[in-house]
Amino acid sequence: QRFAPVFSGYQQHDAQEFLRKLLE
């Protein structure tokens, strides 16, 4: 969440977008 604030909270997100951001 610090690296990518868009994933803050508990909303649902696209798994592929999360994977890409995590790997980056």
mmCIF file of all heavy atoms, coordinates in Angstrom:
data_MODEL
# 
_entry.id   MODEL 
# 
loop_
_atom_site.group_PDB 
_atom_site.id 
_atom_site.type_symbol 
_atom_site.label_atom_id 
_atom_site.label_alt_id 
_atom_site.label_comp_id 
_atom_site.label_asym_id 
_atom_site.label_entity_id 
_atom_site.label_seq_id 
_atom_site.pdbx_PDB_ins_code 
_atom_site.Cartn_x 
_atom_site.Cartn_y 
_atom_site.Cartn_z 
_atom_site.occupancy 
_atom_site.B_iso_or_equiv 
_atom_site.pdbx_formal_charge 
_atom_site.auth_seq_id 
_atom_site.auth_comp_id 
_atom_site.auth_asym_id 
_atom_site.auth_atom_id 
_atom_site.pdbx_PDB_model_num 
ATOM 1   N N   . GLN A 1 1  ? 0.827   -1.209  0.000   1.00 0.00 ? 1  GLN A N   1 
ATOM 2   C CA  . GLN A 1 1  ? 0.000   0.000   0.000   1.00 0.00 ? 1  GLN A CA  1 
ATOM 3   C C   . GLN A 1 1  ? 0.864   1.262   0.000   1.00 0.00 ? 1  GLN A C   1 
ATOM 4   O O   . GLN A 1 1  ? 0.481   2.270   -0.586  1.00 0.00 ? 1  GLN A O   1 
ATOM 5   C CB  . GLN A 1 1  ? -0.936  -0.003  1.217   1.00 0.00 ? 1  GLN A CB  1 
ATOM 6   C CG  . GLN A 1 1  ? -2.068  -1.014  1.098   1.00 0.00 ? 1  GLN A CG  1 
ATOM 7   C CD  . GLN A 1 1  ? -2.914  -1.093  2.353   1.00 0.00 ? 1  GLN A CD  1 
ATOM 8   O OE1 . GLN A 1 1  ? -3.982  -1.679  2.364   1.00 0.00 ? 1  GLN A OE1 1 
ATOM 9   N NE2 . GLN A 1 1  ? -2.435  -0.497  3.440   1.00 0.00 ? 1  GLN A NE2 1 
ATOM 10  N N   . ARG A 1 2  ? 2.008   1.188   0.657   1.00 0.00 ? 2  ARG A N   1 
ATOM 11  C CA  . ARG A 1 2  ? 2.939   2.324   0.610   1.00 0.00 ? 2  ARG A CA  1 
ATOM 12  C C   . ARG A 1 2  ? 3.464   2.519   -0.804  1.00 0.00 ? 2  ARG A C   1 
ATOM 13  O O   . ARG A 1 2  ? 3.559   3.648   -1.285  1.00 0.00 ? 2  ARG A O   1 
ATOM 14  C CB  . ARG A 1 2  ? 4.132   2.068   1.533   1.00 0.00 ? 2  ARG A CB  1 
ATOM 15  C CG  . ARG A 1 2  ? 3.934   2.410   2.995   1.00 0.00 ? 2  ARG A CG  1 
ATOM 16  C CD  . ARG A 1 2  ? 5.228   2.200   3.757   1.00 0.00 ? 2  ARG A CD  1 
ATOM 17  N NE  . ARG A 1 2  ? 6.319   2.985   3.183   1.00 0.00 ? 2  ARG A NE  1 
ATOM 18  C CZ  . ARG A 1 2  ? 7.603   2.614   3.198   1.00 0.00 ? 2  ARG A CZ  1 
ATOM 19  N NH1 . ARG A 1 2  ? 7.959   1.457   3.745   1.00 0.00 ? 2  ARG A NH1 1 
ATOM 20  N NH2 . ARG A 1 2  ? 8.531   3.400   2.673   1.00 0.00 ? 2  ARG A NH2 1 
ATOM 21  N N   . PHE A 1 3  ? 3.816   1.412   -1.455  1.00 0.00 ? 3  PHE A N   1 
ATOM 22  C CA  . PHE A 1 3  ? 4.371   1.499   -2.806  1.00 0.00 ? 3  PHE A CA  1 
ATOM 23  C C   . PHE A 1 3  ? 3.303   1.871   -3.829  1.00 0.00 ? 3  PHE A C   1 
ATOM 24  O O   . PHE A 1 3  ? 3.555   2.657   -4.749  1.00 0.00 ? 3  PHE A O   1 
ATOM 25  C CB  . PHE A 1 3  ? 5.013   0.161   -3.187  1.00 0.00 ? 3  PHE A CB  1 
ATOM 26  C CG  . PHE A 1 3  ? 5.590   0.151   -4.575  1.00 0.00 ? 3  PHE A CG  1 
ATOM 27  C CD1 . PHE A 1 3  ? 6.742   0.858   -4.863  1.00 0.00 ? 3  PHE A CD1 1 
ATOM 28  C CD2 . PHE A 1 3  ? 4.974   -0.566  -5.599  1.00 0.00 ? 3  PHE A CD2 1 
ATOM 29  C CE1 . PHE A 1 3  ? 7.282   0.858   -6.146  1.00 0.00 ? 3  PHE A CE1 1 
ATOM 30  C CE2 . PHE A 1 3  ? 5.495   -0.572  -6.877  1.00 0.00 ? 3  PHE A CE2 1 
ATOM 31  C CZ  . PHE A 1 3  ? 6.664   0.148   -7.149  1.00 0.00 ? 3  PHE A CZ  1 
ATOM 32  N N   . ALA A 1 4  ? 2.110   1.313   -3.684  1.00 0.00 ? 4  ALA A N   1 
ATOM 33  C CA  . ALA A 1 4  ? 1.012   1.548   -4.626  1.00 0.00 ? 4  ALA A CA  1 
ATOM 34  C C   . ALA A 1 4  ? -0.252  1.852   -3.833  1.00 0.00 ? 4  ALA A C   1 
ATOM 35  O O   . ALA A 1 4  ? -1.033  0.939   -3.519  1.00 0.00 ? 4  ALA A O   1 
ATOM 36  C CB  . ALA A 1 4  ? 0.815   0.332   -5.538  1.00 0.00 ? 4  ALA A CB  1 
ATOM 37  N N   . PRO A 1 5  ? -0.485  3.104   -3.484  1.00 0.00 ? 5  PRO A N   1 
ATOM 38  C CA  . PRO A 1 5  ? -1.641  3.477   -2.652  1.00 0.00 ? 5  PRO A CA  1 
ATOM 39  C C   . PRO A 1 5  ? -2.988  3.076   -3.233  1.00 0.00 ? 5  PRO A C   1 
ATOM 40  O O   . PRO A 1 5  ? -3.976  2.993   -2.496  1.00 0.00 ? 5  PRO A O   1 
ATOM 41  C CB  . PRO A 1 5  ? -1.520  5.007   -2.556  1.00 0.00 ? 5  PRO A CB  1 
ATOM 42  C CG  . PRO A 1 5  ? -0.057  5.285   -2.756  1.00 0.00 ? 5  PRO A CG  1 
ATOM 43  C CD  . PRO A 1 5  ? 0.386   4.259   -3.745  1.00 0.00 ? 5  PRO A CD  1 
ATOM 44  N N   . VAL A 1 6  ? -3.051  2.823   -4.542  1.00 0.00 ? 6  VAL A N   1 
ATOM 45  C CA  . VAL A 1 6  ? -4.315  2.424   -5.154  1.00 0.00 ? 6  VAL A CA  1 
ATOM 46  C C   . VAL A 1 6  ? -4.849  1.136   -4.534  1.00 0.00 ? 6  VAL A C   1 
ATOM 47  O O   . VAL A 1 6  ? -6.071  0.880   -4.549  1.00 0.00 ? 6  VAL A O   1 
ATOM 48  C CB  . VAL A 1 6  ? -4.151  2.250   -6.678  1.00 0.00 ? 6  VAL A CB  1 
ATOM 49  C CG1 . VAL A 1 6  ? -3.266  1.056   -7.011  1.00 0.00 ? 6  VAL A CG1 1 
ATOM 50  C CG2 . VAL A 1 6  ? -5.505  2.103   -7.360  1.00 0.00 ? 6  VAL A CG2 1 
ATOM 51  N N   . PHE A 1 7  ? -3.963  0.326   -3.944  1.00 0.00 ? 7  PHE A N   1 
ATOM 52  C CA  . PHE A 1 7  ? -4.378  -0.938  -3.337  1.00 0.00 ? 7  PHE A CA  1 
ATOM 53  C C   . PHE A 1 7  ? -4.665  -0.799  -1.843  1.00 0.00 ? 7  PHE A C   1 
ATOM 54  O O   . PHE A 1 7  ? -4.770  -1.803  -1.136  1.00 0.00 ? 7  PHE A O   1 
ATOM 55  C CB  . PHE A 1 7  ? -3.325  -2.016  -3.574  1.00 0.00 ? 7  PHE A CB  1 
ATOM 56  C CG  . PHE A 1 7  ? -3.119  -2.333  -5.028  1.00 0.00 ? 7  PHE A CG  1 
ATOM 57  C CD1 . PHE A 1 7  ? -1.918  -2.009  -5.666  1.00 0.00 ? 7  PHE A CD1 1 
ATOM 58  C CD2 . PHE A 1 7  ? -4.121  -2.926  -5.775  1.00 0.00 ? 7  PHE A CD2 1 
ATOM 59  C CE1 . PHE A 1 7  ? -1.733  -2.284  -7.017  1.00 0.00 ? 7  PHE A CE1 1 
ATOM 60  C CE2 . PHE A 1 7  ? -3.942  -3.197  -7.120  1.00 0.00 ? 7  PHE A CE2 1 
ATOM 61  C CZ  . PHE A 1 7  ? -2.748  -2.874  -7.743  1.00 0.00 ? 7  PHE A CZ  1 
ATOM 62  N N   . SER A 1 8  ? -4.785  0.420   -1.366  1.00 0.00 ? 8  SER A N   1 
ATOM 63  C CA  . SER A 1 8  ? -5.151  0.644   0.031   1.00 0.00 ? 8  SER A CA  1 
ATOM 64  C C   . SER A 1 8  ? -6.605  0.233   0.264   1.00 0.00 ? 8  SER A C   1 
ATOM 65  O O   . SER A 1 8  ? -7.427  0.244   -0.655  1.00 0.00 ? 8  SER A O   1 
ATOM 66  C CB  . SER A 1 8  ? -4.961  2.122   0.395   1.00 0.00 ? 8  SER A CB  1 
ATOM 67  O OG  . SER A 1 8  ? -3.611  2.509   0.257   1.00 0.00 ? 8  SER A OG  1 
ATOM 68  N N   . GLY A 1 9  ? -6.901  -0.085  1.499   1.00 0.00 ? 9  GLY A N   1 
ATOM 69  C CA  . GLY A 1 9  ? -8.262  -0.480  1.824   1.00 0.00 ? 9  GLY A CA  1 
ATOM 70  C C   . GLY A 1 9  ? -8.543  -1.924  1.452   1.00 0.00 ? 9  GLY A C   1 
ATOM 71  O O   . GLY A 1 9  ? -7.624  -2.736  1.286   1.00 0.00 ? 9  GLY A O   1 
ATOM 72  N N   . TYR A 1 10 ? -9.828  -2.229  1.285   1.00 0.00 ? 10 TYR A N   1 
ATOM 73  C CA  . TYR A 1 10 ? -10.231 -3.615  1.049   1.00 0.00 ? 10 TYR A CA  1 
ATOM 74  C C   . TYR A 1 10 ? -11.133 -3.758  -0.180  1.00 0.00 ? 10 TYR A C   1 
ATOM 75  O O   . TYR A 1 10 ? -11.904 -4.693  -0.293  1.00 0.00 ? 10 TYR A O   1 
ATOM 76  C CB  . TYR A 1 10 ? -10.936 -4.165  2.294   1.00 0.00 ? 10 TYR A CB  1 
ATOM 77  C CG  . TYR A 1 10 ? -10.011 -4.247  3.488   1.00 0.00 ? 10 TYR A CG  1 
ATOM 78  C CD1 . TYR A 1 10 ? -9.916  -3.180  4.378   1.00 0.00 ? 10 TYR A CD1 1 
ATOM 79  C CD2 . TYR A 1 10 ? -9.197  -5.360  3.692   1.00 0.00 ? 10 TYR A CD2 1 
ATOM 80  C CE1 . TYR A 1 10 ? -9.056  -3.233  5.462   1.00 0.00 ? 10 TYR A CE1 1 
ATOM 81  C CE2 . TYR A 1 10 ? -8.332  -5.420  4.767   1.00 0.00 ? 10 TYR A CE2 1 
ATOM 82  C CZ  . TYR A 1 10 ? -8.264  -4.360  5.657   1.00 0.00 ? 10 TYR A CZ  1 
ATOM 83  O OH  . TYR A 1 10 ? -7.398  -4.417  6.721   1.00 0.00 ? 10 TYR A OH  1 
ATOM 84  N N   . GLN A 1 11 ? -11.011 -2.790  -1.109  1.00 0.00 ? 11 GLN A N   1 
ATOM 85  C CA  . GLN A 1 11 ? -11.771 -2.910  -2.345  1.00 0.00 ? 11 GLN A CA  1 
ATOM 86  C C   . GLN A 1 11 ? -11.161 -4.001  -3.225  1.00 0.00 ? 11 GLN A C   1 
ATOM 87  O O   . GLN A 1 11 ? -9.989  -4.341  -3.102  1.00 0.00 ? 11 GLN A O   1 
ATOM 88  C CB  . GLN A 1 11 ? -11.768 -1.582  -3.110  1.00 0.00 ? 11 GLN A CB  1 
ATOM 89  C CG  . GLN A 1 11 ? -12.390 -0.417  -2.363  1.00 0.00 ? 11 GLN A CG  1 
ATOM 90  C CD  . GLN A 1 11 ? -11.360 0.330   -1.514  1.00 0.00 ? 11 GLN A CD  1 
ATOM 91  O OE1 . GLN A 1 11 ? -10.251 -0.137  -1.355  1.00 0.00 ? 11 GLN A OE1 1 
ATOM 92  N NE2 . GLN A 1 11 ? -11.769 1.463   -0.984  1.00 0.00 ? 11 GLN A NE2 1 
ATOM 93  N N   . GLN A 1 12 ? -11.983 -4.519  -4.129  1.00 0.00 ? 12 GLN A N   1 
ATOM 94  C CA  . GLN A 1 12 ? -11.485 -5.511  -5.082  1.00 0.00 ? 12 GLN A CA  1 
ATOM 95  C C   . GLN A 1 12 ? -10.753 -4.814  -6.228  1.00 0.00 ? 12 GLN A C   1 
ATOM 96  O O   . GLN A 1 12 ? -11.130 -3.717  -6.655  1.00 0.00 ? 12 GLN A O   1 
ATOM 97  C CB  . GLN A 1 12 ? -12.639 -6.345  -5.633  1.00 0.00 ? 12 GLN A CB  1 
ATOM 98  C CG  . GLN A 1 12 ? -13.150 -7.396  -4.669  1.00 0.00 ? 12 GLN A CG  1 
ATOM 99  C CD  . GLN A 1 12 ? -12.058 -8.379  -4.264  1.00 0.00 ? 12 GLN A CD  1 
ATOM 100 O OE1 . GLN A 1 12 ? -11.349 -8.920  -5.102  1.00 0.00 ? 12 GLN A OE1 1 
ATOM 101 N NE2 . GLN A 1 12 ? -11.932 -8.621  -2.960  1.00 0.00 ? 12 GLN A NE2 1 
ATOM 102 N N   . HIS A 1 13 ? -9.694  -5.458  -6.716  1.00 0.00 ? 13 HIS A N   1 
ATOM 103 C CA  . HIS A 1 13 ? -8.916  -4.926  -7.825  1.00 0.00 ? 13 HIS A CA  1 
ATOM 104 C C   . HIS A 1 13 ? -8.617  -6.052  -8.812  1.00 0.00 ? 13 HIS A C   1 
ATOM 105 O O   . HIS A 1 13 ? -8.789  -7.229  -8.509  1.00 0.00 ? 13 HIS A O   1 
ATOM 106 C CB  . HIS A 1 13 ? -7.606  -4.318  -7.324  1.00 0.00 ? 13 HIS A CB  1 
ATOM 107 C CG  . HIS A 1 13 ? -7.779  -3.087  -6.490  1.00 0.00 ? 13 HIS A CG  1 
ATOM 108 N ND1 . HIS A 1 13 ? -7.928  -1.836  -7.027  1.00 0.00 ? 13 HIS A ND1 1 
ATOM 109 C CD2 . HIS A 1 13 ? -7.829  -2.924  -5.132  1.00 0.00 ? 13 HIS A CD2 1 
ATOM 110 C CE1 . HIS A 1 13 ? -8.067  -0.943  -6.056  1.00 0.00 ? 13 HIS A CE1 1 
ATOM 111 N NE2 . HIS A 1 13 ? -8.006  -1.580  -4.898  1.00 0.00 ? 13 HIS A NE2 1 
ATOM 112 N N   . ASP A 1 14 ? -8.146  -5.656  -9.984  1.00 0.00 ? 14 ASP A N   1 
ATOM 113 C CA  . ASP A 1 14 ? -7.780  -6.620  -11.006 1.00 0.00 ? 14 ASP A CA  1 
ATOM 114 C C   . ASP A 1 14 ? -6.491  -7.338  -10.601 1.00 0.00 ? 14 ASP A C   1 
ATOM 115 O O   . ASP A 1 14 ? -5.487  -6.681  -10.278 1.00 0.00 ? 14 ASP A O   1 
ATOM 116 C CB  . ASP A 1 14 ? -7.585  -5.902  -12.346 1.00 0.00 ? 14 ASP A CB  1 
ATOM 117 C CG  . ASP A 1 14 ? -7.275  -6.867  -13.470 1.00 0.00 ? 14 ASP A CG  1 
ATOM 118 O OD1 . ASP A 1 14 ? -8.210  -7.438  -14.032 1.00 0.00 ? 14 ASP A OD1 1 
ATOM 119 O OD2 . ASP A 1 14 ? -6.075  -7.041  -13.781 1.00 0.00 ? 14 ASP A OD2 1 
ATOM 120 N N   . ALA A 1 15 ? -6.513  -8.651  -10.601 1.00 0.00 ? 15 ALA A N   1 
ATOM 121 C CA  . ALA A 1 15 ? -5.354  -9.435  -10.152 1.00 0.00 ? 15 ALA A CA  1 
ATOM 122 C C   . ALA A 1 15 ? -4.136  -9.185  -11.030 1.00 0.00 ? 15 ALA A C   1 
ATOM 123 O O   . ALA A 1 15 ? -3.000  -9.128  -10.536 1.00 0.00 ? 15 ALA A O   1 
ATOM 124 C CB  . ALA A 1 15 ? -5.691  -10.926 -10.134 1.00 0.00 ? 15 ALA A CB  1 
ATOM 125 N N   . GLN A 1 16 ? -4.371  -9.029  -12.336 1.00 0.00 ? 16 GLN A N   1 
ATOM 126 C CA  . GLN A 1 16 ? -3.242  -8.796  -13.241 1.00 0.00 ? 16 GLN A CA  1 
ATOM 127 C C   . GLN A 1 16 ? -2.566  -7.459  -12.954 1.00 0.00 ? 16 GLN A C   1 
ATOM 128 O O   . GLN A 1 16 ? -1.337  -7.342  -12.993 1.00 0.00 ? 16 GLN A O   1 
ATOM 129 C CB  . GLN A 1 16 ? -3.729  -8.855  -14.696 1.00 0.00 ? 16 GLN A CB  1 
ATOM 130 C CG  . GLN A 1 16 ? -2.632  -8.761  -15.743 1.00 0.00 ? 16 GLN A CG  1 
ATOM 131 C CD  . GLN A 1 16 ? -2.391  -7.317  -16.195 1.00 0.00 ? 16 GLN A CD  1 
ATOM 132 O OE1 . GLN A 1 16 ? -3.245  -6.461  -15.988 1.00 0.00 ? 16 GLN A OE1 1 
ATOM 133 N NE2 . GLN A 1 16 ? -1.254  -7.075  -16.816 1.00 0.00 ? 16 GLN A NE2 1 
ATOM 134 N N   . GLU A 1 17 ? -3.355  -6.430  -12.653 1.00 0.00 ? 17 GLU A N   1 
ATOM 135 C CA  . GLU A 1 17 ? -2.797  -5.120  -12.327 1.00 0.00 ? 17 GLU A CA  1 
ATOM 136 C C   . GLU A 1 17 ? -1.989  -5.196  -11.032 1.00 0.00 ? 17 GLU A C   1 
ATOM 137 O O   . GLU A 1 17 ? -0.920  -4.579  -10.918 1.00 0.00 ? 17 GLU A O   1 
ATOM 138 C CB  . GLU A 1 17 ? -3.913  -4.087  -12.196 1.00 0.00 ? 17 GLU A CB  1 
ATOM 139 C CG  . GLU A 1 17 ? -4.619  -3.777  -13.509 1.00 0.00 ? 17 GLU A CG  1 
ATOM 140 C CD  . GLU A 1 17 ? -5.769  -2.807  -13.332 1.00 0.00 ? 17 GLU A CD  1 
ATOM 141 O OE1 . GLU A 1 17 ? -5.984  -2.361  -12.177 1.00 0.00 ? 17 GLU A OE1 1 
ATOM 142 O OE2 . GLU A 1 17 ? -6.445  -2.485  -14.323 1.00 0.00 ? 17 GLU A OE2 1 
ATOM 143 N N   . PHE A 1 18 ? -2.496  -5.944  -10.066 1.00 0.00 ? 18 PHE A N   1 
ATOM 144 C CA  . PHE A 1 18 ? -1.769  -6.105  -8.807  1.00 0.00 ? 18 PHE A CA  1 
ATOM 145 C C   . PHE A 1 18 ? -0.466  -6.864  -9.025  1.00 0.00 ? 18 PHE A C   1 
ATOM 146 O O   . PHE A 1 18 ? 0.584   -6.489  -8.484  1.00 0.00 ? 18 PHE A O   1 
ATOM 147 C CB  . PHE A 1 18 ? -2.640  -6.838  -7.788  1.00 0.00 ? 18 PHE A CB  1 
ATOM 148 C CG  . PHE A 1 18 ? -1.937  -7.095  -6.482  1.00 0.00 ? 18 PHE A CG  1 
ATOM 149 C CD1 . PHE A 1 18 ? -1.733  -6.070  -5.576  1.00 0.00 ? 18 PHE A CD1 1 
ATOM 150 C CD2 . PHE A 1 18 ? -1.472  -8.366  -6.170  1.00 0.00 ? 18 PHE A CD2 1 
ATOM 151 C CE1 . PHE A 1 18 ? -1.074  -6.300  -4.378  1.00 0.00 ? 18 PHE A CE1 1 
ATOM 152 C CE2 . PHE A 1 18 ? -0.814  -8.604  -4.967  1.00 0.00 ? 18 PHE A CE2 1 
ATOM 153 C CZ  . PHE A 1 18 ? -0.615  -7.563  -4.070  1.00 0.00 ? 18 PHE A CZ  1 
ATOM 154 N N   . LEU A 1 19 ? -0.516  -7.922  -9.816  1.00 0.00 ? 19 LEU A N   1 
ATOM 155 C CA  . LEU A 1 19 ? 0.688   -8.701  -10.106 1.00 0.00 ? 19 LEU A CA  1 
ATOM 156 C C   . LEU A 1 19 ? 1.748   -7.827  -10.758 1.00 0.00 ? 19 LEU A C   1 
ATOM 157 O O   . LEU A 1 19 ? 2.921   -7.851  -10.368 1.00 0.00 ? 19 LEU A O   1 
ATOM 158 C CB  . LEU A 1 19 ? 0.343   -9.878  -11.021 1.00 0.00 ? 19 LEU A CB  1 
ATOM 159 C CG  . LEU A 1 19 ? 1.525   -10.673 -11.575 1.00 0.00 ? 19 LEU A CG  1 
ATOM 160 C CD1 . LEU A 1 19 ? 2.341   -11.298 -10.448 1.00 0.00 ? 19 LEU A CD1 1 
ATOM 161 C CD2 . LEU A 1 19 ? 1.040   -11.747 -12.543 1.00 0.00 ? 19 LEU A CD2 1 
ATOM 162 N N   . ARG A 1 20 ? 1.345   -7.050  -11.773 1.00 0.00 ? 20 ARG A N   1 
ATOM 163 C CA  . ARG A 1 20 ? 2.294   -6.187  -12.465 1.00 0.00 ? 20 ARG A CA  1 
ATOM 164 C C   . ARG A 1 20 ? 2.928   -5.183  -11.498 1.00 0.00 ? 20 ARG A C   1 
ATOM 165 O O   . ARG A 1 20 ? 4.139   -4.982  -11.514 1.00 0.00 ? 20 ARG A O   1 
ATOM 166 C CB  . ARG A 1 20 ? 1.573   -5.442  -13.593 1.00 0.00 ? 20 ARG A CB  1 
ATOM 167 C CG  . ARG A 1 20 ? 2.408   -4.322  -14.236 1.00 0.00 ? 20 ARG A CG  1 
ATOM 168 C CD  . ARG A 1 20 ? 3.491   -4.849  -15.144 1.00 0.00 ? 20 ARG A CD  1 
ATOM 169 N NE  . ARG A 1 20 ? 2.920   -5.397  -16.339 1.00 0.00 ? 20 ARG A NE  1 
ATOM 170 C CZ  . ARG A 1 20 ? 2.630   -4.663  -17.429 1.00 0.00 ? 20 ARG A CZ  1 
ATOM 171 N NH1 . ARG A 1 20 ? 2.846   -3.368  -17.431 1.00 0.00 ? 20 ARG A NH1 1 
ATOM 172 N NH2 . ARG A 1 20 ? 2.141   -5.247  -18.500 1.00 0.00 ? 20 ARG A NH2 1 
ATOM 173 N N   . LYS A 1 21 ? 2.105   -4.563  -10.666 1.00 0.00 ? 21 LYS A N   1 
ATOM 174 C CA  . LYS A 1 21 ? 2.631   -3.554  -9.745  1.00 0.00 ? 21 LYS A CA  1 
ATOM 175 C C   . LYS A 1 21 ? 3.544   -4.179  -8.702  1.00 0.00 ? 21 LYS A C   1 
ATOM 176 O O   . LYS A 1 21 ? 4.586   -3.610  -8.347  1.00 0.00 ? 21 LYS A O   1 
ATOM 177 C CB  . LYS A 1 21 ? 1.473   -2.829  -9.054  1.00 0.00 ? 21 LYS A CB  1 
ATOM 178 C CG  . LYS A 1 21 ? 1.849   -1.452  -8.529  1.00 0.00 ? 21 LYS A CG  1 
ATOM 179 C CD  . LYS A 1 21 ? 2.215   -0.517  -9.668  1.00 0.00 ? 21 LYS A CD  1 
ATOM 180 C CE  . LYS A 1 21 ? 2.627   0.852   -9.163  1.00 0.00 ? 21 LYS A CE  1 
ATOM 181 N NZ  . LYS A 1 21 ? 3.063   1.747   -10.274 1.00 0.00 ? 21 LYS A NZ  1 
ATOM 182 N N   . LEU A 1 22 ? 3.181   -5.357  -8.219  1.00 0.00 ? 22 LEU A N   1 
ATOM 183 C CA  . LEU A 1 22 ? 4.018   -6.035  -7.235  1.00 0.00 ? 22 LEU A CA  1 
ATOM 184 C C   . LEU A 1 22 ? 5.372   -6.399  -7.832  1.00 0.00 ? 22 LEU A C   1 
ATOM 185 O O   . LEU A 1 22 ? 6.419   -6.157  -7.218  1.00 0.00 ? 22 LEU A O   1 
ATOM 186 C CB  . LEU A 1 22 ? 3.317   -7.289  -6.712  1.00 0.00 ? 22 LEU A CB  1 
ATOM 187 C CG  . LEU A 1 22 ? 4.138   -8.195  -5.786  1.00 0.00 ? 22 LEU A CG  1 
ATOM 188 C CD1 . LEU A 1 22 ? 4.660   -7.434  -4.582  1.00 0.00 ? 22 LEU A CD1 1 
ATOM 189 C CD2 . LEU A 1 22 ? 3.310   -9.400  -5.344  1.00 0.00 ? 22 LEU A CD2 1 
ATOM 190 N N   . LEU A 1 23 ? 5.372   -6.961  -9.034  1.00 0.00 ? 23 LEU A N   1 
ATOM 191 C CA  . LEU A 1 23 ? 6.634   -7.332  -9.670  1.00 0.00 ? 23 LEU A CA  1 
ATOM 192 C C   . LEU A 1 23 ? 7.502   -6.099  -9.935  1.00 0.00 ? 23 LEU A C   1 
ATOM 193 O O   . LEU A 1 23 ? 8.727   -6.136  -9.760  1.00 0.00 ? 23 LEU A O   1 
ATOM 194 C CB  . LEU A 1 23 ? 6.373   -8.077  -10.982 1.00 0.00 ? 23 LEU A CB  1 
ATOM 195 C CG  . LEU A 1 23 ? 5.802   -9.491  -10.853 1.00 0.00 ? 23 LEU A CG  1 
ATOM 196 C CD1 . LEU A 1 23 ? 5.529   -10.078 -12.236 1.00 0.00 ? 23 LEU A CD1 1 
ATOM 197 C CD2 . LEU A 1 23 ? 6.742   -10.400 -10.074 1.00 0.00 ? 23 LEU A CD2 1 
ATOM 198 N N   . GLU A 1 24 ? 6.869   -5.005  -10.346 1.00 0.00 ? 24 GLU A N   1 
ATOM 199 C CA  . GLU A 1 24 ? 7.621   -3.773  -10.577 1.00 0.00 ? 24 GLU A CA  1 
ATOM 200 C C   . GLU A 1 24 ? 8.242   -3.270  -9.278  1.00 0.00 ? 24 GLU A C   1 
ATOM 201 O O   . GLU A 1 24 ? 9.381   -2.783  -9.262  1.00 0.00 ? 24 GLU A O   1 
ATOM 202 C CB  . GLU A 1 24 ? 6.712   -2.704  -11.176 1.00 0.00 ? 24 GLU A CB  1 
ATOM 203 C CG  . GLU A 1 24 ? 6.328   -2.981  -12.625 1.00 0.00 ? 24 GLU A CG  1 
ATOM 204 C CD  . GLU A 1 24 ? 5.342   -1.959  -13.172 1.00 0.00 ? 24 GLU A CD  1 
ATOM 205 O OE1 . GLU A 1 24 ? 4.878   -1.102  -12.389 1.00 0.00 ? 24 GLU A OE1 1 
ATOM 206 O OE2 . GLU A 1 24 ? 5.039   -2.004  -14.382 1.00 0.00 ? 24 GLU A OE2 1 
# 
